[in-house]
Protein backbone atom coordinates (compact mmCIF):
# COMPACT_ATOMS: atom_id res chain seq x y z
CA UNK A 1 0.00 0.00 0.00
CA UNK A 2 1.47 3.36 -1.03
CA UNK A 3 -0.63 5.70 1.09
CA UNK A 4 -3.82 5.95 3.11
CA UNK A 5 -6.08 8.89 3.99
CA UNK A 6 -8.68 9.14 6.74
CA UNK A 7 -11.02 12.13 6.80
CA UNK A 8 -13.09 13.76 9.53
CA UNK A 9 -10.81 12.57 12.35
CA UNK A 10 -11.80 14.38 15.55
CA UNK A 11 -9.18 16.19 17.60
CA UNK A 12 -9.76 13.73 20.43
CA UNK A 13 -9.18 10.74 18.13
CA UNK A 14 -6.09 12.44 16.71
CA UNK A 15 -4.70 12.81 20.25
CA UNK A 16 -5.21 9.09 20.88
CA UNK A 17 -3.57 8.15 17.56
CA UNK A 18 -0.64 10.51 18.17
CA UNK A 19 -0.12 9.10 21.66
CA UNK A 20 -0.28 5.52 20.33
CA UNK A 21 2.28 6.20 17.61
CA UNK A 22 4.69 7.92 19.99
CA UNK A 23 4.37 5.27 22.70
CA UNK A 24 5.16 2.56 20.16
CA UNK A 25 8.39 4.07 18.87
CA UNK A 26 7.20 6.87 16.60
CA UNK A 27 9.32 10.00 16.32
CA UNK A 28 7.66 13.40 15.97
CA UNK A 29 9.14 15.80 13.42
CA UNK A 30 10.07 19.10 15.03
CA UNK A 31 9.42 21.14 11.88
CA UNK A 32 6.14 21.00 9.99
CA UNK A 33 6.13 21.55 6.23
CA UNK A 34 2.63 22.93 5.68
CA UNK A 35 0.67 25.63 7.45
CA UNK A 36 -2.26 23.25 8.00
CA UNK A 37 -0.16 20.47 9.54
CA UNK A 38 -0.83 19.91 13.23
CA UNK A 39 1.70 17.11 13.74
CA UNK A 40 3.83 14.67 11.77
CA UNK A 41 5.17 11.39 13.16
CA UNK A 42 7.60 8.94 11.57
CA UNK A 43 6.65 5.39 12.47
CA UNK A 44 8.41 2.35 11.04
CA UNK A 45 8.61 3.08 7.30
CA UNK A 46 5.63 5.43 7.37
CA UNK A 47 4.98 9.11 7.97
CA UNK A 48 1.67 10.00 9.62
CA UNK A 49 0.54 13.61 9.16
CA UNK A 50 -2.51 15.12 10.87
CA UNK A 51 -3.98 18.31 9.39
CA UNK A 52 -6.13 21.05 10.93
CA UNK A 53 -8.91 19.99 8.54
CA UNK A 54 -9.25 16.67 10.40
CA UNK A 55 -7.47 14.63 7.74
CA UNK A 56 -4.91 12.00 8.73
CA UNK A 57 -2.56 10.94 5.96
CA UNK A 58 -0.11 8.04 6.02
CA UNK A 59 2.60 8.08 3.37
CA UNK A 60 4.60 5.07 2.15
CA UNK A 61 3.00 2.57 4.50
CA UNK A 62 3.45 -1.13 4.17
CA UNK A 63 0.36 -3.23 4.83
CA UNK A 64 2.03 -4.56 7.99
CA UNK A 65 2.43 -1.03 9.36
CA UNK A 66 -1.21 -0.01 8.94
CA UNK A 67 -2.83 -3.30 9.91
PDB file of N, CA and C in Angstrom:
ATOM      1  N   UNK A   1       0.846  -1.163   0.000  1.00  0.00           N
ATOM      2  CA  UNK A   1       0.000   0.000   0.000  1.00  0.00           C
ATOM      3  C   UNK A   1       0.900   1.236   0.000  1.00  0.00           C
ATOM      4  N   UNK A   2       0.648   2.154  -0.913  1.00  0.00           N
ATOM      5  CA  UNK A   2       1.468   3.357  -1.029  1.00  0.00           C
ATOM      6  C   UNK A   2       1.079   4.421   0.001  1.00  0.00           C
ATOM      7  N   UNK A   3      -0.195   4.689   0.140  1.00  0.00           N
ATOM      8  CA  UNK A   3      -0.634   5.704   1.094  1.00  0.00           C
ATOM      9  C   UNK A   3      -2.069   5.438   1.516  1.00  0.00           C
ATOM     10  N   UNK A   4      -2.463   6.116   2.582  1.00  0.00           N
ATOM     11  CA  UNK A   4      -3.820   5.947   3.111  1.00  0.00           C
ATOM     12  C   UNK A   4      -4.262   7.278   3.700  1.00  0.00           C
ATOM     13  N   UNK A   5      -5.521   7.633   3.471  1.00  0.00           N
ATOM     14  CA  UNK A   5      -6.082   8.885   3.989  1.00  0.00           C
ATOM     15  C   UNK A   5      -7.355   8.588   4.764  1.00  0.00           C
ATOM     16  N   UNK A   6      -7.460   9.196   5.936  1.00  0.00           N
ATOM     17  CA  UNK A   6      -8.677   9.139   6.739  1.00  0.00           C
ATOM     18  C   UNK A   6      -9.163  10.562   6.887  1.00  0.00           C
ATOM     19  N   UNK A   7     -10.452  10.781   6.699  1.00  0.00           N
ATOM     20  CA  UNK A   7     -11.022  12.129   6.798  1.00  0.00           C
ATOM     21  C   UNK A   7     -11.965  12.222   7.984  1.00  0.00           C
ATOM     22  N   UNK A   8     -12.185  13.450   8.414  1.00  0.00           N
ATOM     23  CA  UNK A   8     -13.087  13.761   9.526  1.00  0.00           C
ATOM     24  C   UNK A   8     -12.649  13.098  10.832  1.00  0.00           C
ATOM     25  N   UNK A   9     -11.344  13.097  11.088  1.00  0.00           N
ATOM     26  CA  UNK A   9     -10.810  12.572  12.347  1.00  0.00           C
ATOM     27  C   UNK A   9     -10.965  13.676  13.394  1.00  0.00           C
ATOM     28  N   UNK A  10     -11.613  13.371  14.495  1.00  0.00           N
ATOM     29  CA  UNK A  10     -11.803  14.377  15.547  1.00  0.00           C
ATOM     30  C   UNK A  10     -10.468  14.679  16.233  1.00  0.00           C
ATOM     31  N   UNK A  11     -10.397  15.836  16.876  1.00  0.00           N
ATOM     32  CA  UNK A  11      -9.181  16.193  17.604  1.00  0.00           C
ATOM     33  C   UNK A  11      -8.892  15.185  18.710  1.00  0.00           C
ATOM     34  N   UNK A  12      -9.930  14.720  19.363  1.00  0.00           N
ATOM     35  CA  UNK A  12      -9.756  13.729  20.432  1.00  0.00           C
ATOM     36  C   UNK A  12      -9.183  12.427  19.877  1.00  0.00           C
ATOM     37  N   UNK A  13      -9.707  11.955  18.757  1.00  0.00           N
ATOM     38  CA  UNK A  13      -9.176  10.740  18.131  1.00  0.00           C
ATOM     39  C   UNK A  13      -7.740  10.951  17.673  1.00  0.00           C
ATOM     40  N   UNK A  14      -7.449  12.134  17.148  1.00  0.00           N
ATOM     41  CA  UNK A  14      -6.085  12.444  16.710  1.00  0.00           C
ATOM     42  C   UNK A  14      -5.112  12.401  17.883  1.00  0.00           C
ATOM     43  N   UNK A  15      -5.542  12.861  19.061  1.00  0.00           N
ATOM     44  CA  UNK A  15      -4.697  12.814  20.251  1.00  0.00           C
ATOM     45  C   UNK A  15      -4.387  11.366  20.635  1.00  0.00           C
ATOM     46  N   UNK A  16      -5.393  10.502  20.549  1.00  0.00           N
ATOM     47  CA  UNK A  16      -5.208   9.093  20.881  1.00  0.00           C
ATOM     48  C   UNK A  16      -4.249   8.437  19.877  1.00  0.00           C
ATOM     49  N   UNK A  17      -4.434   8.715  18.607  1.00  0.00           N
ATOM     50  CA  UNK A  17      -3.566   8.153  17.558  1.00  0.00           C
ATOM     51  C   UNK A  17      -2.137   8.637  17.745  1.00  0.00           C
ATOM     52  N   UNK A  18      -1.975   9.932  17.970  1.00  0.00           N
ATOM     53  CA  UNK A  18      -0.640  10.511  18.173  1.00  0.00           C
ATOM     54  C   UNK A  18       0.053   9.846  19.359  1.00  0.00           C
ATOM     55  N   UNK A  19      -0.668   9.724  20.461  1.00  0.00           N
ATOM     56  CA  UNK A  19      -0.119   9.096  21.659  1.00  0.00           C
ATOM     57  C   UNK A  19       0.280   7.646  21.384  1.00  0.00           C
ATOM     58  N   UNK A  20      -0.567   6.912  20.673  1.00  0.00           N
ATOM     59  CA  UNK A  20      -0.278   5.520  20.334  1.00  0.00           C
ATOM     60  C   UNK A  20       1.000   5.414  19.505  1.00  0.00           C
ATOM     61  N   UNK A  21       1.104   6.239  18.472  1.00  0.00           N
ATOM     62  CA  UNK A  21       2.284   6.195  17.607  1.00  0.00           C
ATOM     63  C   UNK A  21       3.559   6.501  18.382  1.00  0.00           C
ATOM     64  N   UNK A  22       3.515   7.537  19.217  1.00  0.00           N
ATOM     65  CA  UNK A  22       4.689   7.918  19.992  1.00  0.00           C
ATOM     66  C   UNK A  22       5.064   6.866  21.032  1.00  0.00           C
ATOM     67  N   UNK A  23       4.077   6.273  21.668  1.00  0.00           N
ATOM     68  CA  UNK A  23       4.365   5.272  22.702  1.00  0.00           C
ATOM     69  C   UNK A  23       4.855   3.949  22.121  1.00  0.00           C
ATOM     70  N   UNK A  24       4.698   3.785  20.813  1.00  0.00           N
ATOM     71  CA  UNK A  24       5.160   2.559  20.161  1.00  0.00           C
ATOM     72  C   UNK A  24       6.376   2.795  19.266  1.00  0.00           C
ATOM     73  N   UNK A  25       7.129   3.848  19.564  1.00  0.00           N
ATOM     74  CA  UNK A  25       8.388   4.071  18.869  1.00  0.00           C
ATOM     75  C   UNK A  25       8.379   5.130  17.786  1.00  0.00           C
ATOM     76  N   UNK A  26       7.257   5.800  17.591  1.00  0.00           N
ATOM     77  CA  UNK A  26       7.203   6.868  16.598  1.00  0.00           C
ATOM     78  C   UNK A  26       8.032   8.063  17.036  1.00  0.00           C
ATOM     79  N   UNK A  27       8.516   8.820  16.046  1.00  0.00           N
ATOM     80  CA  UNK A  27       9.322  10.003  16.323  1.00  0.00           C
ATOM     81  C   UNK A  27       8.646  11.199  15.669  1.00  0.00           C
ATOM     82  N   UNK A  28       8.343  12.221  16.487  1.00  0.00           N
ATOM     83  CA  UNK A  28       7.660  13.396  15.966  1.00  0.00           C
ATOM     84  C   UNK A  28       8.657  14.340  15.300  1.00  0.00           C
ATOM     85  N   UNK A  29       8.313  14.813  14.104  1.00  0.00           N
ATOM     86  CA  UNK A  29       9.137  15.801  13.418  1.00  0.00           C
ATOM     87  C   UNK A  29       9.001  17.140  14.133  1.00  0.00           C
ATOM     88  N   UNK A  30      10.112  17.810  14.332  1.00  0.00           N
ATOM     89  CA  UNK A  30      10.074  19.100  15.026  1.00  0.00           C
ATOM     90  C   UNK A  30       9.619  20.237  14.119  1.00  0.00           C
ATOM     91  N   UNK A  31       9.843  20.103  12.820  1.00  0.00           N
ATOM     92  CA  UNK A  31       9.419  21.136  11.881  1.00  0.00           C
ATOM     93  C   UNK A  31       8.319  20.599  10.984  1.00  0.00           C
ATOM     94  N   UNK A  32       7.241  21.369  10.877  1.00  0.00           N
ATOM     95  CA  UNK A  32       6.141  21.004   9.995  1.00  0.00           C
ATOM     96  C   UNK A  32       6.363  21.671   8.645  1.00  0.00           C
ATOM     97  N   UNK A  33       5.894  21.031   7.574  1.00  0.00           N
ATOM     98  CA  UNK A  33       6.129  21.545   6.232  1.00  0.00           C
ATOM     99  C   UNK A  33       4.999  22.417   5.711  1.00  0.00           C
ATOM    100  N   UNK A  34       3.789  22.175   6.165  1.00  0.00           N
ATOM    101  CA  UNK A  34       2.634  22.933   5.677  1.00  0.00           C
ATOM    102  C   UNK A  34       1.968  23.718   6.789  1.00  0.00           C
ATOM    103  N   UNK A  35       1.309  24.804   6.425  1.00  0.00           N
ATOM    104  CA  UNK A  35       0.675  25.634   7.454  1.00  0.00           C
ATOM    105  C   UNK A  35      -0.520  24.949   8.116  1.00  0.00           C
ATOM    106  N   UNK A  36      -1.114  23.963   7.440  1.00  0.00           N
ATOM    107  CA  UNK A  36      -2.262  23.249   8.001  1.00  0.00           C
ATOM    108  C   UNK A  36      -1.883  21.995   8.771  1.00  0.00           C
ATOM    109  N   UNK A  37      -0.595  21.652   8.806  1.00  0.00           N
ATOM    110  CA  UNK A  37      -0.159  20.466   9.540  1.00  0.00           C
ATOM    111  C   UNK A  37      -0.199  20.747  11.039  1.00  0.00           C
ATOM    112  N   UNK A  38      -0.783  19.804  11.777  1.00  0.00           N
ATOM    113  CA  UNK A  38      -0.830  19.913  13.230  1.00  0.00           C
ATOM    114  C   UNK A  38       0.329  19.131  13.831  1.00  0.00           C
ATOM    115  N   UNK A  39       0.548  17.909  13.339  1.00  0.00           N
ATOM    116  CA  UNK A  39       1.696  17.111  13.737  1.00  0.00           C
ATOM    117  C   UNK A  39       2.073  16.131  12.640  1.00  0.00           C
ATOM    118  N   UNK A  40       3.329  15.678  12.710  1.00  0.00           N
ATOM    119  CA  UNK A  40       3.835  14.674  11.772  1.00  0.00           C
ATOM    120  C   UNK A  40       4.715  13.708  12.559  1.00  0.00           C
ATOM    121  N   UNK A  41       4.431  12.405  12.408  1.00  0.00           N
ATOM    122  CA  UNK A  41       5.168  11.388  13.159  1.00  0.00           C
ATOM    123  C   UNK A  41       5.681  10.323  12.203  1.00  0.00           C
ATOM    124  N   UNK A  42       6.971  10.034  12.334  1.00  0.00           N
ATOM    125  CA  UNK A  42       7.596   8.945  11.569  1.00  0.00           C
ATOM    126  C   UNK A  42       7.473   7.677  12.400  1.00  0.00           C
ATOM    127  N   UNK A  43       6.905   6.652  11.785  1.00  0.00           N
ATOM    128  CA  UNK A  43       6.652   5.389  12.475  1.00  0.00           C
ATOM    129  C   UNK A  43       6.978   4.251  11.527  1.00  0.00           C
ATOM    130  N   UNK A  44       7.958   3.444  11.899  1.00  0.00           N
ATOM    131  CA  UNK A  44       8.406   2.350  11.044  1.00  0.00           C
ATOM    132  C   UNK A  44       8.823   2.957   9.705  1.00  0.00           C
ATOM    133  N   UNK A  45       8.271   2.533   8.612  1.00  0.00           N
ATOM    134  CA  UNK A  45       8.608   3.079   7.297  1.00  0.00           C
ATOM    135  C   UNK A  45       7.577   4.107   6.832  1.00  0.00           C
ATOM    136  N   UNK A  46       6.735   4.549   7.728  1.00  0.00           N
ATOM    137  CA  UNK A  46       5.630   5.429   7.371  1.00  0.00           C
ATOM    138  C   UNK A  46       5.767   6.808   8.001  1.00  0.00           C
ATOM    139  N   UNK A  47       5.087   7.770   7.403  1.00  0.00           N
ATOM    140  CA  UNK A  47       4.977   9.109   7.973  1.00  0.00           C
ATOM    141  C   UNK A  47       3.492   9.418   8.110  1.00  0.00           C
ATOM    142  N   UNK A  48       3.053   9.643   9.346  1.00  0.00           N
ATOM    143  CA  UNK A  48       1.666  10.002   9.619  1.00  0.00           C
ATOM    144  C   UNK A  48       1.584  11.505   9.811  1.00  0.00           C
ATOM    145  N   UNK A  49       0.704  12.161   9.062  1.00  0.00           N
ATOM    146  CA  UNK A  49       0.538  13.608   9.164  1.00  0.00           C
ATOM    147  C   UNK A  49      -0.926  13.903   9.449  1.00  0.00           C
ATOM    148  N   UNK A  50      -1.155  14.698  10.504  1.00  0.00           N
ATOM    149  CA  UNK A  50      -2.509  15.118  10.866  1.00  0.00           C
ATOM    150  C   UNK A  50      -2.644  16.598  10.539  1.00  0.00           C
ATOM    151  N   UNK A  51      -3.731  16.947   9.842  1.00  0.00           N
ATOM    152  CA  UNK A  51      -3.979  18.308   9.389  1.00  0.00           C
ATOM    153  C   UNK A  51      -5.107  18.960  10.182  1.00  0.00           C
ATOM    154  N   UNK A  52      -5.107  20.285  10.224  1.00  0.00           N
ATOM    155  CA  UNK A  52      -6.129  21.053  10.928  1.00  0.00           C
ATOM    156  C   UNK A  52      -7.529  20.790  10.374  1.00  0.00           C
ATOM    157  N   UNK A  53      -7.615  20.291   9.163  1.00  0.00           N
ATOM    158  CA  UNK A  53      -8.907  19.987   8.540  1.00  0.00           C
ATOM    159  C   UNK A  53      -9.521  18.691   9.059  1.00  0.00           C
ATOM    160  N   UNK A  54      -8.756  17.946   9.881  1.00  0.00           N
ATOM    161  CA  UNK A  54      -9.250  16.671  10.396  1.00  0.00           C
ATOM    162  C   UNK A  54      -8.845  15.485   9.540  1.00  0.00           C
ATOM    163  N   UNK A  55      -7.947  15.704   8.603  1.00  0.00           N
ATOM    164  CA  UNK A  55      -7.468  14.632   7.738  1.00  0.00           C
ATOM    165  C   UNK A  55      -6.187  14.044   8.307  1.00  0.00           C
ATOM    166  N   UNK A  56      -6.121  12.719   8.333  1.00  0.00           N
ATOM    167  CA  UNK A  56      -4.908  12.001   8.727  1.00  0.00           C
ATOM    168  C   UNK A  56      -4.405  11.287   7.491  1.00  0.00           C
ATOM    169  N   UNK A  57      -3.146  11.514   7.165  1.00  0.00           N
ATOM    170  CA  UNK A  57      -2.559  10.940   5.961  1.00  0.00           C
ATOM    171  C   UNK A  57      -1.352  10.103   6.360  1.00  0.00           C
ATOM    172  N   UNK A  58      -1.254   8.911   5.795  1.00  0.00           N
ATOM    173  CA  UNK A  58      -0.114   8.036   6.024  1.00  0.00           C
ATOM    174  C   UNK A  58       0.566   7.812   4.682  1.00  0.00           C
ATOM    175  N   UNK A  59       1.831   8.172   4.600  1.00  0.00           N
ATOM    176  CA  UNK A  59       2.596   8.079   3.370  1.00  0.00           C
ATOM    177  C   UNK A  59       3.565   6.896   3.419  1.00  0.00           C
ATOM    178  N   UNK A  60       3.651   6.172   2.311  1.00  0.00           N
ATOM    179  CA  UNK A  60       4.603   5.070   2.150  1.00  0.00           C
ATOM    180  C   UNK A  60       4.441   3.976   3.189  1.00  0.00           C
ATOM    181  N   UNK A  61       3.249   3.613   3.506  1.00  0.00           N
ATOM    182  CA  UNK A  61       2.998   2.571   4.496  1.00  0.00           C
ATOM    183  C   UNK A  61       2.996   1.196   3.875  1.00  0.00           C
ATOM    184  N   UNK A  62       3.592   0.260   4.573  1.00  0.00           N
ATOM    185  CA  UNK A  62       3.450  -1.129   4.170  1.00  0.00           C
ATOM    186  C   UNK A  62       2.158  -1.649   4.799  1.00  0.00           C
ATOM    187  N   UNK A  63       1.588  -2.676   4.263  1.00  0.00           N
ATOM    188  CA  UNK A  63       0.357  -3.231   4.832  1.00  0.00           C
ATOM    189  C   UNK A  63       0.574  -3.606   6.288  1.00  0.00           C
ATOM    190  N   UNK A  64       1.727  -4.158   6.617  1.00  0.00           N
ATOM    191  CA  UNK A  64       2.035  -4.565   7.992  1.00  0.00           C
ATOM    192  C   UNK A  64       1.954  -3.379   8.941  1.00  0.00           C
ATOM    193  N   UNK A  65       2.428  -2.205   8.507  1.00  0.00           N
ATOM    194  CA  UNK A  65       2.435  -1.027   9.358  1.00  0.00           C
ATOM    195  C   UNK A  65       1.031  -0.573   9.695  1.00  0.00           C
ATOM    196  N   UNK A  66       0.149  -0.521   8.713  1.00  0.00           N
ATOM    197  CA  UNK A  66      -1.206  -0.009   8.936  1.00  0.00           C
ATOM    198  C   UNK A  66      -2.080  -1.027   9.659  1.00  0.00           C
ATOM    199  N   UNK A  67      -1.992  -2.281   9.289  1.00  0.00           N
ATOM    200  CA  UNK A  67      -2.828  -3.301   9.913  1.00  0.00           C
ATOM    201  C   UNK A  67      -2.426  -3.473  11.356  1.00  0.00           C
TER     202      UNK A  67
END
